[in-house]
Amino acid sequence: QVQLVESGGGLVQAGGSLRLSCAASGLTARTWTVGWFRQAPGKEREFVAAITRISRTAYADSVKGRFTISRDNTNRTLYLQMNFLKPEDTAVYSCAARNGDSLSMSTYPTAYVYWGQGTQVTVSS
């Protein structure tokens, strides 16, 4: 059974930093692409970043230069380092995984099979 568990969310002032983690278990495919999505109240889920097994990355324009996605394949953990946070970054952040080693379609939530429960990130102004 695949399980994704996020941690690291919290309350931070604008300009601050947070590091999210996503621990994955039960993934048996040799290659898998993982991503971070976020959803603010009243808004649709939106893509944040994705990374393949060989660490090719993709980012939403709104977070480029501020967020960094990385992964530890040995420990099956995904990370999202978020710097220079803004109030508009406030959302529930979820990690997701899918079989395959390509960034194609990685910005679409429907491309992902497995999802975590999410962790709240709140940025105060």
PDB file of N, CA and C in Angstrom:
ATOM      1  N   GLN A   1       0.838  -1.179   0.000  1.00  0.00           N
ATOM      2  CA  GLN A   1       0.000   0.000   0.000  1.00  0.00           C
ATOM      3  C   GLN A   1       0.884   1.243   0.000  1.00  0.00           C
ATOM      4  N   VAL A   2       0.633   2.119  -0.962  1.00  0.00           N
ATOM      5  CA  VAL A   2       1.422   3.339  -1.057  1.00  0.00           C
ATOM      6  C   VAL A   2       0.910   4.369  -0.053  1.00  0.00           C
ATOM      7  N   GLN A   3       1.845   4.995   0.630  1.00  0.00           N
ATOM      8  CA  GLN A   3       1.484   6.025   1.592  1.00  0.00           C
ATOM      9  C   GLN A   3       2.443   7.199   1.453  1.00  0.00           C
ATOM     10  N   LEU A   4       1.884   8.398   1.379  1.00  0.00           N
ATOM     11  CA  LEU A   4       2.669   9.626   1.335  1.00  0.00           C
ATOM     12  C   LEU A   4       2.276  10.468   2.542  1.00  0.00           C
ATOM     13  N   VAL A   5       3.260  10.883   3.317  1.00  0.00           N
ATOM     14  CA  VAL A   5       2.974  11.635   4.534  1.00  0.00           C
ATOM     15  C   VAL A   5       3.802  12.923   4.536  1.00  0.00           C
ATOM     16  N   GLU A   6       3.096  14.047   4.512  1.00  0.00           N
ATOM     17  CA  GLU A   6       3.768  15.343   4.515  1.00  0.00           C
ATOM     18  C   GLU A   6       4.008  15.838   5.939  1.00  0.00           C
ATOM     19  N   SER A   7       5.015  16.671   6.073  1.00  0.00           N
ATOM     20  CA  SER A   7       5.288  17.338   7.345  1.00  0.00           C
ATOM     21  C   SER A   7       6.042  18.629   7.063  1.00  0.00           C
ATOM     22  N   GLY A   8       6.104  19.484   8.070  1.00  0.00           N
ATOM     23  CA  GLY A   8       6.896  20.706   7.952  1.00  0.00           C
ATOM     24  C   GLY A   8       6.112  21.975   7.749  1.00  0.00           C
ATOM     25  N   GLY A   9       4.798  21.859   7.606  1.00  0.00           N
ATOM     26  CA  GLY A   9       3.994  23.062   7.448  1.00  0.00           C
ATOM     27  C   GLY A   9       3.923  23.857   8.745  1.00  0.00           C
ATOM     28  N   GLY A  10       3.354  25.050   8.659  1.00  0.00           N
ATOM     29  CA  GLY A  10       3.222  25.881   9.841  1.00  0.00           C
ATOM     30  C   GLY A  10       2.925  27.317   9.490  1.00  0.00           C
ATOM     31  N   LEU A  11       3.069  28.170  10.486  1.00  0.00           N
ATOM     32  CA  LEU A  11       2.829  29.602  10.338  1.00  0.00           C
ATOM     33  C   LEU A  11       4.166  30.323  10.279  1.00  0.00           C
ATOM     34  N   VAL A  12       4.313  31.190   9.284  1.00  0.00           N
ATOM     35  CA  VAL A  12       5.565  31.923   9.120  1.00  0.00           C
ATOM     36  C   VAL A  12       5.238  33.330   8.629  1.00  0.00           C
ATOM     37  N   GLN A  13       6.087  34.274   8.966  1.00  0.00           N
ATOM     38  CA  GLN A  13       5.891  35.635   8.482  1.00  0.00           C
ATOM     39  C   GLN A  13       6.360  35.764   7.038  1.00  0.00           C
ATOM     40  N   ALA A  14       5.807  36.716   6.348  1.00  0.00           N
ATOM     41  CA  ALA A  14       6.233  36.988   4.983  1.00  0.00           C
ATOM     42  C   ALA A  14       7.739  37.229   4.947  1.00  0.00           C
ATOM     43  N   GLY A  15       8.383  36.643   3.937  1.00  0.00           N
ATOM     44  CA  GLY A  15       9.826  36.736   3.821  1.00  0.00           C
ATOM     45  C   GLY A  15      10.560  35.584   4.476  1.00  0.00           C
ATOM     46  N   GLY A  16       9.837  34.800   5.243  1.00  0.00           N
ATOM     47  CA  GLY A  16      10.449  33.681   5.947  1.00  0.00           C
ATOM     48  C   GLY A  16      10.558  32.429   5.086  1.00  0.00           C
ATOM     49  N   SER A  17      10.986  31.346   5.718  1.00  0.00           N
ATOM     50  CA  SER A  17      11.225  30.085   5.010  1.00  0.00           C
ATOM     51  C   SER A  17      10.587  28.917   5.748  1.00  0.00           C
ATOM     52  N   LEU A  18      10.258  27.904   4.991  1.00  0.00           N
ATOM     53  CA  LEU A  18       9.797  26.625   5.533  1.00  0.00           C
ATOM     54  C   LEU A  18      10.340  25.520   4.639  1.00  0.00           C
ATOM     55  N   ARG A  19      10.511  24.340   5.219  1.00  0.00           N
ATOM     56  CA  ARG A  19      10.914  23.172   4.442  1.00  0.00           C
ATOM     57  C   ARG A  19       9.900  22.073   4.657  1.00  0.00           C
ATOM     58  N   LEU A  20       9.237  21.695   3.590  1.00  0.00           N
ATOM     59  CA  LEU A  20       8.268  20.604   3.646  1.00  0.00           C
ATOM     60  C   LEU A  20       8.953  19.291   3.303  1.00  0.00           C
ATOM     61  N   SER A  21       8.485  18.226   3.934  1.00  0.00           N
ATOM     62  CA  SER A  21       8.970  16.885   3.642  1.00  0.00           C
ATOM     63  C   SER A  21       7.793  15.991   3.298  1.00  0.00           C
ATOM     64  N   CYS A  22       8.065  14.988   2.489  1.00  0.00           N
ATOM     65  CA  CYS A  22       7.046  13.998   2.128  1.00  0.00           C
ATOM     66  C   CYS A  22       7.708  12.634   2.148  1.00  0.00           C
ATOM     67  N   ALA A  23       7.318  11.830   3.123  1.00  0.00           N
ATOM     68  CA  ALA A  23       7.868  10.484   3.252  1.00  0.00           C
ATOM     69  C   ALA A  23       6.997   9.507   2.480  1.00  0.00           C
ATOM     70  N   ALA A  24       7.622   8.767   1.570  1.00  0.00           N
ATOM     71  CA  ALA A  24       6.890   7.830   0.722  1.00  0.00           C
ATOM     72  C   ALA A  24       7.216   6.395   1.110  1.00  0.00           C
ATOM     73  N   SER A  25       6.188   5.576   1.143  1.00  0.00           N
ATOM     74  CA  SER A  25       6.387   4.148   1.404  1.00  0.00           C
ATOM     75  C   SER A  25       5.483   3.353   0.477  1.00  0.00           C
ATOM     76  N   GLY A  26       5.917   2.141   0.182  1.00  0.00           N
ATOM     77  CA  GLY A  26       5.095   1.255  -0.627  1.00  0.00           C
ATOM     78  C   GLY A  26       5.208   1.457  -2.121  1.00  0.00           C
ATOM     79  N   LEU A  27       6.062   2.362  -2.559  1.00  0.00           N
ATOM     80  CA  LEU A  27       6.226   2.558  -3.996  1.00  0.00           C
ATOM     81  C   LEU A  27       7.147   1.471  -4.532  1.00  0.00           C
ATOM     82  N   THR A  28       6.663   0.660  -5.436  1.00  0.00           N
ATOM     83  CA  THR A  28       7.448  -0.464  -5.924  1.00  0.00           C
ATOM     84  C   THR A  28       7.976  -0.244  -7.329  1.00  0.00           C
ATOM     85  N   ALA A  29       7.500   0.736  -8.018  1.00  0.00           N
ATOM     86  CA  ALA A  29       7.990   0.998  -9.373  1.00  0.00           C
ATOM     87  C   ALA A  29       9.448   1.418  -9.306  1.00  0.00           C
ATOM     88  N   ARG A  30      10.194   1.079 -10.343  1.00  0.00           N
ATOM     89  CA  ARG A  30      11.605   1.443 -10.357  1.00  0.00           C
ATOM     90  C   ARG A  30      11.793   2.936 -10.539  1.00  0.00           C
ATOM     91  N   THR A  31      10.889   3.553 -11.249  1.00  0.00           N
ATOM     92  CA  THR A  31      11.008   4.996 -11.442  1.00  0.00           C
ATOM     93  C   THR A  31       9.692   5.652 -11.083  1.00  0.00           C
ATOM     94  N   TRP A  32       9.767   6.789 -10.470  1.00  0.00           N
ATOM     95  CA  TRP A  32       8.558   7.513 -10.140  1.00  0.00           C
ATOM     96  C   TRP A  32       8.857   9.003 -10.095  1.00  0.00           C
ATOM     97  N   THR A  33       7.914   9.751 -10.568  1.00  0.00           N
ATOM     98  CA  THR A  33       7.987  11.205 -10.547  1.00  0.00           C
ATOM     99  C   THR A  33       7.110  11.707  -9.408  1.00  0.00           C
ATOM    100  N   VAL A  34       7.604  12.689  -8.692  1.00  0.00           N
ATOM    101  CA  VAL A  34       6.849  13.232  -7.565  1.00  0.00           C
ATOM    102  C   VAL A  34       6.699  14.737  -7.706  1.00  0.00           C
ATOM    103  N   GLY A  35       5.656  15.231  -7.122  1.00  0.00           N
ATOM    104  CA  GLY A  35       5.396  16.654  -7.236  1.00  0.00           C
ATOM    105  C   GLY A  35       4.729  17.219  -6.002  1.00  0.00           C
ATOM    106  N   TRP A  36       4.709  18.538  -5.940  1.00  0.00           N
ATOM    107  CA  TRP A  36       3.994  19.270  -4.895  1.00  0.00           C
ATOM    108  C   TRP A  36       2.897  20.097  -5.549  1.00  0.00           C
ATOM    109  N   PHE A  37       1.752  20.059  -4.942  1.00  0.00           N
ATOM    110  CA  PHE A  37       0.624  20.883  -5.356  1.00  0.00           C
ATOM    111  C   PHE A  37       0.125  21.647  -4.131  1.00  0.00           C
ATOM    112  N   ARG A  38      -0.647  22.690  -4.373  1.00  0.00           N
ATOM    113  CA  ARG A  38      -1.219  23.428  -3.255  1.00  0.00           C
ATOM    114  C   ARG A  38      -2.641  23.866  -3.597  1.00  0.00           C
ATOM    115  N   GLN A  39      -3.414  24.044  -2.537  1.00  0.00           N
ATOM    116  CA  GLN A  39      -4.798  24.486  -2.725  1.00  0.00           C
ATOM    117  C   GLN A  39      -5.155  25.465  -1.629  1.00  0.00           C
ATOM    118  N   ALA A  40      -5.493  26.667  -2.035  1.00  0.00           N
ATOM    119  CA  ALA A  40      -5.937  27.699  -1.111  1.00  0.00           C
ATOM    120  C   ALA A  40      -7.461  27.646  -1.004  1.00  0.00           C
ATOM    121  N   PRO A  41      -8.021  28.155   0.080  1.00  0.00           N
ATOM    122  CA  PRO A  41      -9.480  28.140   0.240  1.00  0.00           C
ATOM    123  C   PRO A  41     -10.181  28.819  -0.926  1.00  0.00           C
ATOM    124  N   GLY A  42     -11.164  28.132  -1.486  1.00  0.00           N
ATOM    125  CA  GLY A  42     -11.936  28.690  -2.579  1.00  0.00           C
ATOM    126  C   GLY A  42     -11.261  28.662  -3.926  1.00  0.00           C
ATOM    127  N   LYS A  43     -10.086  28.065  -3.989  1.00  0.00           N
ATOM    128  CA  LYS A  43      -9.353  28.007  -5.256  1.00  0.00           C
ATOM    129  C   LYS A  43      -9.106  26.566  -5.660  1.00  0.00           C
ATOM    130  N   GLU A  44      -8.786  26.384  -6.929  1.00  0.00           N
ATOM    131  CA  GLU A  44      -8.470  25.056  -7.422  1.00  0.00           C
ATOM    132  C   GLU A  44      -7.052  24.664  -7.016  1.00  0.00           C
ATOM    133  N   ARG A  45      -6.843  23.370  -6.995  1.00  0.00           N
ATOM    134  CA  ARG A  45      -5.503  22.860  -6.725  1.00  0.00           C
ATOM    135  C   ARG A  45      -4.571  23.309  -7.848  1.00  0.00           C
ATOM    136  N   GLU A  46      -3.379  23.759  -7.470  1.00  0.00           N
ATOM    137  CA  GLU A  46      -2.441  24.221  -8.487  1.00  0.00           C
ATOM    138  C   GLU A  46      -1.073  23.569  -8.310  1.00  0.00           C
ATOM    139  N   PHE A  47      -0.420  23.417  -9.438  1.00  0.00           N
ATOM    140  CA  PHE A  47       0.911  22.821  -9.473  1.00  0.00           C
ATOM    141  C   PHE A  47       1.927  23.759  -8.847  1.00  0.00           C
ATOM    142  N   VAL A  48       2.873  23.183  -8.107  1.00  0.00           N
ATOM    143  CA  VAL A  48       3.962  23.966  -7.518  1.00  0.00           C
ATOM    144  C   VAL A  48       5.305  23.552  -8.127  1.00  0.00           C
ATOM    145  N   ALA A  49       5.630  22.259  -8.046  1.00  0.00           N
ATOM    146  CA  ALA A  49       6.919  21.785  -8.546  1.00  0.00           C
ATOM    147  C   ALA A  49       6.855  20.283  -8.715  1.00  0.00           C
ATOM    148  N   ALA A  50       7.745  19.763  -9.562  1.00  0.00           N
ATOM    149  CA  ALA A  50       7.842  18.322  -9.770  1.00  0.00           C
ATOM    150  C   ALA A  50       9.298  17.953 -10.010  1.00  0.00           C
ATOM    151  N   ILE A  51       9.614  16.685  -9.740  1.00  0.00           N
ATOM    152  CA  ILE A  51      10.983  16.211  -9.919  1.00  0.00           C
ATOM    153  C   ILE A  51      10.958  14.744 -10.314  1.00  0.00           C
ATOM    154  N   THR A  52      11.788  14.390 -11.294  1.00  0.00           N
ATOM    155  CA  THR A  52      11.885  13.002 -11.717  1.00  0.00           C
ATOM    156  C   THR A  52      12.932  12.260 -10.871  1.00  0.00           C
ATOM    157  N   ARG A  53      13.052  10.974 -11.130  1.00  0.00           N
ATOM    158  CA  ARG A  53      14.013  10.168 -10.362  1.00  0.00           C
ATOM    159  C   ARG A  53      15.446  10.655 -10.567  1.00  0.00           C
ATOM    160  N   ILE A  54      15.720  11.163 -11.757  1.00  0.00           N
ATOM    161  CA  ILE A  54      17.083  11.637 -12.024  1.00  0.00           C
ATOM    162  C   ILE A  54      17.179  13.145 -11.815  1.00  0.00           C
ATOM    163  N   SER A  55      16.209  13.683 -11.052  1.00  0.00           N
ATOM    164  CA  SER A  55      16.237  15.070 -10.581  1.00  0.00           C
ATOM    165  C   SER A  55      16.081  16.131 -11.657  1.00  0.00           C
ATOM    166  N   ARG A  56      15.379  15.798 -12.716  1.00  0.00           N
ATOM    167  CA  ARG A  56      14.934  16.857 -13.616  1.00  0.00           C
ATOM    168  C   ARG A  56      13.746  17.528 -12.947  1.00  0.00           C
ATOM    169  N   THR A  57      13.684  18.851 -13.010  1.00  0.00           N
ATOM    170  CA  THR A  57      12.684  19.579 -12.234  1.00  0.00           C
ATOM    171  C   THR A  57      11.834  20.499 -13.095  1.00  0.00           C
ATOM    172  N   ALA A  58      10.673  20.818 -12.573  1.00  0.00           N
ATOM    173  CA  ALA A  58       9.776  21.790 -13.186  1.00  0.00           C
ATOM    174  C   ALA A  58       9.141  22.600 -12.063  1.00  0.00           C
ATOM    175  N   TYR A  59       8.915  23.887 -12.315  1.00  0.00           N
ATOM    176  CA  TYR A  59       8.339  24.773 -11.297  1.00  0.00           C
ATOM    177  C   TYR A  59       7.240  25.630 -11.904  1.00  0.00           C
ATOM    178  N   ALA A  60       6.276  25.975 -11.071  1.00  0.00           N
ATOM    179  CA  ALA A  60       5.306  26.984 -11.463  1.00  0.00           C
ATOM    180  C   ALA A  60       6.012  28.330 -11.510  1.00  0.00           C
ATOM    181  N   ASP A  61       5.582  29.189 -12.410  1.00  0.00           N
ATOM    182  CA  ASP A  61       6.217  30.508 -12.544  1.00  0.00           C
ATOM    183  C   ASP A  61       6.161  31.294 -11.237  1.00  0.00           C
ATOM    184  N   SER A  62       5.099  31.101 -10.480  1.00  0.00           N
ATOM    185  CA  SER A  62       4.902  31.872  -9.256  1.00  0.00           C
ATOM    186  C   SER A  62       5.898  31.532  -8.153  1.00  0.00           C
ATOM    187  N   VAL A  63       6.595  30.394  -8.275  1.00  0.00           N
ATOM    188  CA  VAL A  63       7.533  30.003  -7.217  1.00  0.00           C
ATOM    189  C   VAL A  63       8.966  29.901  -7.698  1.00  0.00           C
ATOM    190  N   LYS A  64       9.200  30.080  -8.979  1.00  0.00           N
ATOM    191  CA  LYS A  64      10.557  29.992  -9.515  1.00  0.00           C
ATOM    192  C   LYS A  64      11.471  30.990  -8.818  1.00  0.00           C
ATOM    193  N   GLY A  65      12.644  30.511  -8.444  1.00  0.00           N
ATOM    194  CA  GLY A  65      13.600  31.368  -7.770  1.00  0.00           C
ATOM    195  C   GLY A  65      13.399  31.452  -6.270  1.00  0.00           C
ATOM    196  N   ARG A  66      12.269  30.974  -5.781  1.00  0.00           N
ATOM    197  CA  ARG A  66      11.994  31.000  -4.332  1.00  0.00           C
ATOM    198  C   ARG A  66      11.900  29.602  -3.741  1.00  0.00           C
ATOM    199  N   PHE A  67      11.351  28.656  -4.487  1.00  0.00           N
ATOM    200  CA  PHE A  67      11.164  27.291  -3.996  1.00  0.00           C
ATOM    201  C   PHE A  67      12.145  26.363  -4.696  1.00  0.00           C
ATOM    202  N   THR A  68      12.570  25.326  -3.969  1.00  0.00           N
ATOM    203  CA  THR A  68      13.443  24.310  -4.530  1.00  0.00           C
ATOM    204  C   THR A  68      12.921  22.930  -4.156  1.00  0.00           C
ATOM    205  N   ILE A  69      12.705  22.100  -5.164  1.00  0.00           N
ATOM    206  CA  ILE A  69      12.257  20.733  -4.926  1.00  0.00           C
ATOM    207  C   ILE A  69      13.466  19.803  -5.002  1.00  0.00           C
ATOM    208  N   SER A  70      13.500  18.806  -4.131  1.00  0.00           N
ATOM    209  CA  SER A  70      14.586  17.836  -4.147  1.00  0.00           C
ATOM    210  C   SER A  70      14.062  16.505  -3.617  1.00  0.00           C
ATOM    211  N   ARG A  71      14.841  15.465  -3.806  1.00  0.00           N
ATOM    212  CA  ARG A  71      14.412  14.153  -3.351  1.00  0.00           C
ATOM    213  C   ARG A  71      15.611  13.336  -2.900  1.00  0.00           C
ATOM    214  N   ASP A  72      15.361  12.445  -1.983  1.00  0.00           N
ATOM    215  CA  ASP A  72      16.342  11.485  -1.496  1.00  0.00           C
ATOM    216  C   ASP A  72      15.807  10.108  -1.864  1.00  0.00           C
ATOM    217  N   ASN A  73      16.316   9.521  -2.937  1.00  0.00           N
ATOM    218  CA  ASN A  73      15.784   8.254  -3.414  1.00  0.00           C
ATOM    219  C   ASN A  73      16.051   7.106  -2.434  1.00  0.00           C
ATOM    220  N   THR A  74      17.156   7.176  -1.743  1.00  0.00           N
ATOM    221  CA  THR A  74      17.486   6.107  -0.788  1.00  0.00           C
ATOM    222  C   THR A  74      16.461   6.057   0.337  1.00  0.00           C
ATOM    223  N   ASN A  75      16.146   7.225   0.863  1.00  0.00           N
ATOM    224  CA  ASN A  75      15.209   7.295   1.978  1.00  0.00           C
ATOM    225  C   ASN A  75      13.773   7.555   1.528  1.00  0.00           C
ATOM    226  N   ARG A  76      13.561   7.622   0.212  1.00  0.00           N
ATOM    227  CA  ARG A  76      12.223   7.803  -0.348  1.00  0.00           C
ATOM    228  C   ARG A  76      11.536   9.015   0.264  1.00  0.00           C
ATOM    229  N   THR A  77      12.224  10.117   0.275  1.00  0.00           N
ATOM    230  CA  THR A  77      11.680  11.349   0.844  1.00  0.00           C
ATOM    231  C   THR A  77      11.792  12.477  -0.168  1.00  0.00           C
ATOM    232  N   LEU A  78      10.727  13.240  -0.254  1.00  0.00           N
ATOM    233  CA  LEU A  78      10.656  14.397  -1.130  1.00  0.00           C
ATOM    234  C   LEU A  78      10.682  15.655  -0.274  1.00  0.00           C
ATOM    235  N   TYR A  79      11.334  16.704  -0.777  1.00  0.00           N
ATOM    236  CA  TYR A  79      11.424  17.947  -0.027  1.00  0.00           C
ATOM    237  C   TYR A  79      10.969  19.132  -0.877  1.00  0.00           C
ATOM    238  N   LEU A  80      10.511  20.157  -0.208  1.00  0.00           N
ATOM    239  CA  LEU A  80      10.229  21.438  -0.859  1.00  0.00           C
ATOM    240  C   LEU A  80      10.746  22.541   0.062  1.00  0.00           C
ATOM    241  N   GLN A  81      11.851  23.146  -0.336  1.00  0.00           N
ATOM    242  CA  GLN A  81      12.397  24.279   0.409  1.00  0.00           C
ATOM    243  C   GLN A  81      11.738  25.539  -0.113  1.00  0.00           C
ATOM    244  N   MET A  82      11.088  26.264   0.787  1.00  0.00           N
ATOM    245  CA  MET A  82      10.346  27.458   0.388  1.00  0.00           C
ATOM    246  C   MET A  82      10.964  28.670   1.071  1.00  0.00           C
ATOM    247  N   ASN A  83      11.503  29.570   0.271  1.00  0.00           N
ATOM    248  CA  ASN A  83      12.125  30.800   0.773  1.00  0.00           C
ATOM    249  C   ASN A  83      11.348  32.016   0.292  1.00  0.00           C
ATOM    250  N   PHE A  84      11.567  33.144   0.968  1.00  0.00           N
ATOM    251  CA  PHE A  84      10.914  34.412   0.599  1.00  0.00           C
ATOM    252  C   PHE A  84       9.405  34.224   0.440  1.00  0.00           C
ATOM    253  N   LEU A  85       8.825  33.573   1.421  1.00  0.00           N
ATOM    254  CA  LEU A  85       7.405  33.259   1.365  1.00  0.00           C
ATOM    255  C   LEU A  85       6.554  34.516   1.355  1.00  0.00           C
ATOM    256  N   LYS A  86       5.434  34.427   0.643  1.00  0.00           N
ATOM    257  CA  LYS A  86       4.494  35.528   0.508  1.00  0.00           C
ATOM    258  C   LYS A  86       3.134  35.096   1.052  1.00  0.00           C
ATOM    259  N   PRO A  87       2.296  36.045   1.452  1.00  0.00           N
ATOM    260  CA  PRO A  87       0.951  35.672   1.925  1.00  0.00           C
ATOM    261  C   PRO A  87       0.181  34.859   0.896  1.00  0.00           C
ATOM    262  N   GLU A  88       0.403  35.110  -0.380  1.00  0.00           N
ATOM    263  CA  GLU A  88      -0.316  34.347  -1.409  1.00  0.00           C
ATOM    264  C   GLU A  88       0.167  32.914  -1.545  1.00  0.00           C
ATOM    265  N   ASP A  89       1.213  32.548  -0.834  1.00  0.00           N
ATOM    266  CA  ASP A  89       1.654  31.143  -0.786  1.00  0.00           C
ATOM    267  C   ASP A  89       0.849  30.333   0.224  1.00  0.00           C
ATOM    268  N   THR A  90      -0.003  30.988   0.984  1.00  0.00           N
ATOM    269  CA  THR A  90      -0.813  30.296   1.980  1.00  0.00           C
ATOM    270  C   THR A  90      -1.738  29.284   1.311  1.00  0.00           C
ATOM    271  N   ALA A  91      -1.639  28.044   1.746  1.00  0.00           N
ATOM    272  CA  ALA A  91      -2.433  26.956   1.144  1.00  0.00           C
ATOM    273  C   ALA A  91      -2.140  25.659   1.877  1.00  0.00           C
ATOM    274  N   VAL A  92      -2.912  24.642   1.544  1.00  0.00           N
ATOM    275  CA  VAL A  92      -2.576  23.284   1.946  1.00  0.00           C
ATOM    276  C   VAL A  92      -1.684  22.691   0.854  1.00  0.00           C
ATOM    277  N   TYR A  93      -0.520  22.237   1.248  1.00  0.00           N
ATOM    278  CA  TYR A  93       0.448  21.684   0.302  1.00  0.00           C
ATOM    279  C   TYR A  93       0.410  20.159   0.383  1.00  0.00           C
ATOM    280  N   SER A  94       0.298  19.536  -0.780  1.00  0.00           N
ATOM    281  CA  SER A  94       0.224  18.082  -0.855  1.00  0.00           C
ATOM    282  C   SER A  94       1.287  17.556  -1.801  1.00  0.00           C
ATOM    283  N   CYS A  95       1.850  16.428  -1.431  1.00  0.00           N
ATOM    284  CA  CYS A  95       2.762  15.763  -2.347  1.00  0.00           C
ATOM    285  C   CYS A  95       2.011  14.668  -3.094  1.00  0.00           C
ATOM    286  N   ALA A  96       2.516  14.343  -4.263  1.00  0.00           N
ATOM    287  CA  ALA A  96       1.867  13.360  -5.119  1.00  0.00           C
ATOM    288  C   ALA A  96       2.931  12.585  -5.875  1.00  0.00           C
ATOM    289  N   ALA A  97       2.596  11.365  -6.265  1.00  0.00           N
ATOM    290  CA  ALA A  97       3.556  10.515  -6.964  1.00  0.00           C
ATOM    291  C   ALA A  97       2.868   9.747  -8.073  1.00  0.00           C
ATOM    292  N   ARG A  98       3.655   9.464  -9.097  1.00  0.00           N
ATOM    293  CA  ARG A  98       3.135   8.658 -10.200  1.00  0.00           C
ATOM    294  C   ARG A  98       4.275   7.856 -10.799  1.00  0.00           C
ATOM    295  N   ASN A  99       3.936   6.720 -11.388  1.00  0.00           N
ATOM    296  CA  ASN A  99       4.945   5.898 -12.038  1.00  0.00           C
ATOM    297  C   ASN A  99       5.455   6.595 -13.282  1.00  0.00           C
ATOM    298  N   GLY A 100       6.728   6.380 -13.588  1.00  0.00           N
ATOM    299  CA  GLY A 100       7.312   6.991 -14.765  1.00  0.00           C
ATOM    300  C   GLY A 100       8.374   7.997 -14.395  1.00  0.00           C
ATOM    301  N   ASP A 101       9.197   8.325 -15.339  1.00  0.00           N
ATOM    302  CA  ASP A 101      10.348   9.184 -15.083  1.00  0.00           C
ATOM    303  C   ASP A 101      10.365  10.333 -16.079  1.00  0.00           C
ATOM    304  N   SER A 102       9.241  11.017 -16.210  1.00  0.00           N
ATOM    305  CA  SER A 102       9.132  12.096 -17.175  1.00  0.00           C
ATOM    306  C   SER A 102       8.384  13.269 -16.570  1.00  0.00           C
ATOM    307  N   LEU A 103       8.757  14.469 -17.010  1.00  0.00           N
ATOM    308  CA  LEU A 103       8.046  15.660 -16.565  1.00  0.00           C
ATOM    309  C   LEU A 103       6.819  15.949 -17.431  1.00  0.00           C
ATOM    310  N   SER A 104       6.651  15.156 -18.468  1.00  0.00           N
ATOM    311  CA  SER A 104       5.480  15.351 -19.320  1.00  0.00           C
ATOM    312  C   SER A 104       4.209  15.213 -18.499  1.00  0.00           C
ATOM    313  N   MET A 105       3.347  16.144 -18.606  1.00  0.00           N
ATOM    314  CA  MET A 105       2.062  16.151 -17.896  1.00  0.00           C
ATOM    315  C   MET A 105       2.225  16.374 -16.391  1.00  0.00           C
ATOM    316  N   SER A 106       3.408  16.691 -15.918  1.00  0.00           N
ATOM    317  CA  SER A 106       3.658  16.753 -14.476  1.00  0.00           C
ATOM    318  C   SER A 106       2.927  17.896 -13.793  1.00  0.00           C
ATOM    319  N   THR A 107       2.441  18.861 -14.572  1.00  0.00           N
ATOM    320  CA  THR A 107       1.727  19.984 -13.970  1.00  0.00           C
ATOM    321  C   THR A 107       0.248  19.686 -13.752  1.00  0.00           C
ATOM    322  N   TYR A 108      -0.222  18.550 -14.202  1.00  0.00           N
ATOM    323  CA  TYR A 108      -1.640  18.197 -14.106  1.00  0.00           C
ATOM    324  C   TYR A 108      -1.891  17.257 -12.940  1.00  0.00           C
ATOM    325  N   PRO A 109      -2.754  17.628 -12.002  1.00  0.00           N
ATOM    326  CA  PRO A 109      -3.031  16.742 -10.868  1.00  0.00           C
ATOM    327  C   PRO A 109      -3.532  15.375 -11.295  1.00  0.00           C
ATOM    328  N   THR A 110      -4.258  15.312 -12.395  1.00  0.00           N
ATOM    329  CA  THR A 110      -4.819  14.037 -12.836  1.00  0.00           C
ATOM    330  C   THR A 110      -3.755  13.053 -13.300  1.00  0.00           C
ATOM    331  N   ALA A 111      -2.536  13.524 -13.514  1.00  0.00           N
ATOM    332  CA  ALA A 111      -1.450  12.630 -13.930  1.00  0.00           C
ATOM    333  C   ALA A 111      -0.895  11.824 -12.766  1.00  0.00           C
ATOM    334  N   TYR A 112      -1.254  12.189 -11.550  1.00  0.00           N
ATOM    335  CA  TYR A 112      -0.698  11.546 -10.365  1.00  0.00           C
ATOM    336  C   TYR A 112      -1.677  10.541  -9.772  1.00  0.00           C
ATOM    337  N   VAL A 113      -1.122   9.436  -9.307  1.00  0.00           N
ATOM    338  CA  VAL A 113      -1.948   8.353  -8.786  1.00  0.00           C
ATOM    339  C   VAL A 113      -2.061   8.412  -7.269  1.00  0.00           C
ATOM    340  N   TYR A 114      -0.954   8.759  -6.623  1.00  0.00           N
ATOM    341  CA  TYR A 114      -0.902   8.700  -5.162  1.00  0.00           C
ATOM    342  C   TYR A 114      -0.782  10.111  -4.586  1.00  0.00           C
ATOM    343  N   TRP A 115      -1.506  10.338  -3.491  1.00  0.00           N
ATOM    344  CA  TRP A 115      -1.533  11.651  -2.866  1.00  0.00           C
ATOM    345  C   TRP A 115      -1.390  11.545  -1.356  1.00  0.00           C
ATOM    346  N   GLY A 116      -0.733  12.542  -0.770  1.00  0.00           N
ATOM    347  CA  GLY A 116      -0.704  12.665   0.674  1.00  0.00           C
ATOM    348  C   GLY A 116      -1.902  13.449   1.168  1.00  0.00           C
ATOM    349  N   GLN A 117      -2.015  13.571   2.486  1.00  0.00           N
ATOM    350  CA  GLN A 117      -3.142  14.258   3.094  1.00  0.00           C
ATOM    351  C   GLN A 117      -2.981  15.773   3.087  1.00  0.00           C
ATOM    352  N   GLY A 118      -1.759  16.222   2.983  1.00  0.00           N
ATOM    353  CA  GLY A 118      -1.519  17.658   2.929  1.00  0.00           C
ATOM    354  C   GLY A 118      -1.050  18.243   4.247  1.00  0.00           C
ATOM    355  N   THR A 119      -0.364  19.361   4.153  1.00  0.00           N
ATOM    356  CA  THR A 119       0.103  20.086   5.331  1.00  0.00           C
ATOM    357  C   THR A 119      -0.160  21.580   5.106  1.00  0.00           C
ATOM    358  N   GLN A 120      -0.650  22.238   6.146  1.00  0.00           N
ATOM    359  CA  GLN A 120      -1.041  23.643   6.017  1.00  0.00           C
ATOM    360  C   GLN A 120       0.170  24.551   6.115  1.00  0.00           C
ATOM    361  N   VAL A 121       0.262  25.472   5.179  1.00  0.00           N
ATOM    362  CA  VAL A 121       1.267  26.528   5.223  1.00  0.00           C
ATOM    363  C   VAL A 121       0.530  27.860   5.263  1.00  0.00           C
ATOM    364  N   THR A 122       0.812  28.647   6.283  1.00  0.00           N
ATOM    365  CA  THR A 122       0.180  29.951   6.426  1.00  0.00           C
ATOM    366  C   THR A 122       1.256  31.015   6.521  1.00  0.00           C
ATOM    367  N   VAL A 123       1.175  32.003   5.648  1.00  0.00           N
ATOM    368  CA  VAL A 123       2.157  33.082   5.616  1.00  0.00           C
ATOM    369  C   VAL A 123       1.448  34.377   6.002  1.00  0.00           C
ATOM    370  N   SER A 124       1.875  34.965   7.083  1.00  0.00           N
ATOM    371  CA  SER A 124       1.252  36.202   7.556  1.00  0.00           C
ATOM    372  C   SER A 124       1.972  37.419   6.992  1.00  0.00           C
ATOM    373  N   SER A 125       1.216  38.470   6.799  1.00  0.00           N
ATOM    374  CA  SER A 125       1.808  39.688   6.214  1.00  0.00           C
ATOM    375  C   SER A 125       2.348  40.613   7.281  1.00  0.00           C
TER     376      SER A 125
END
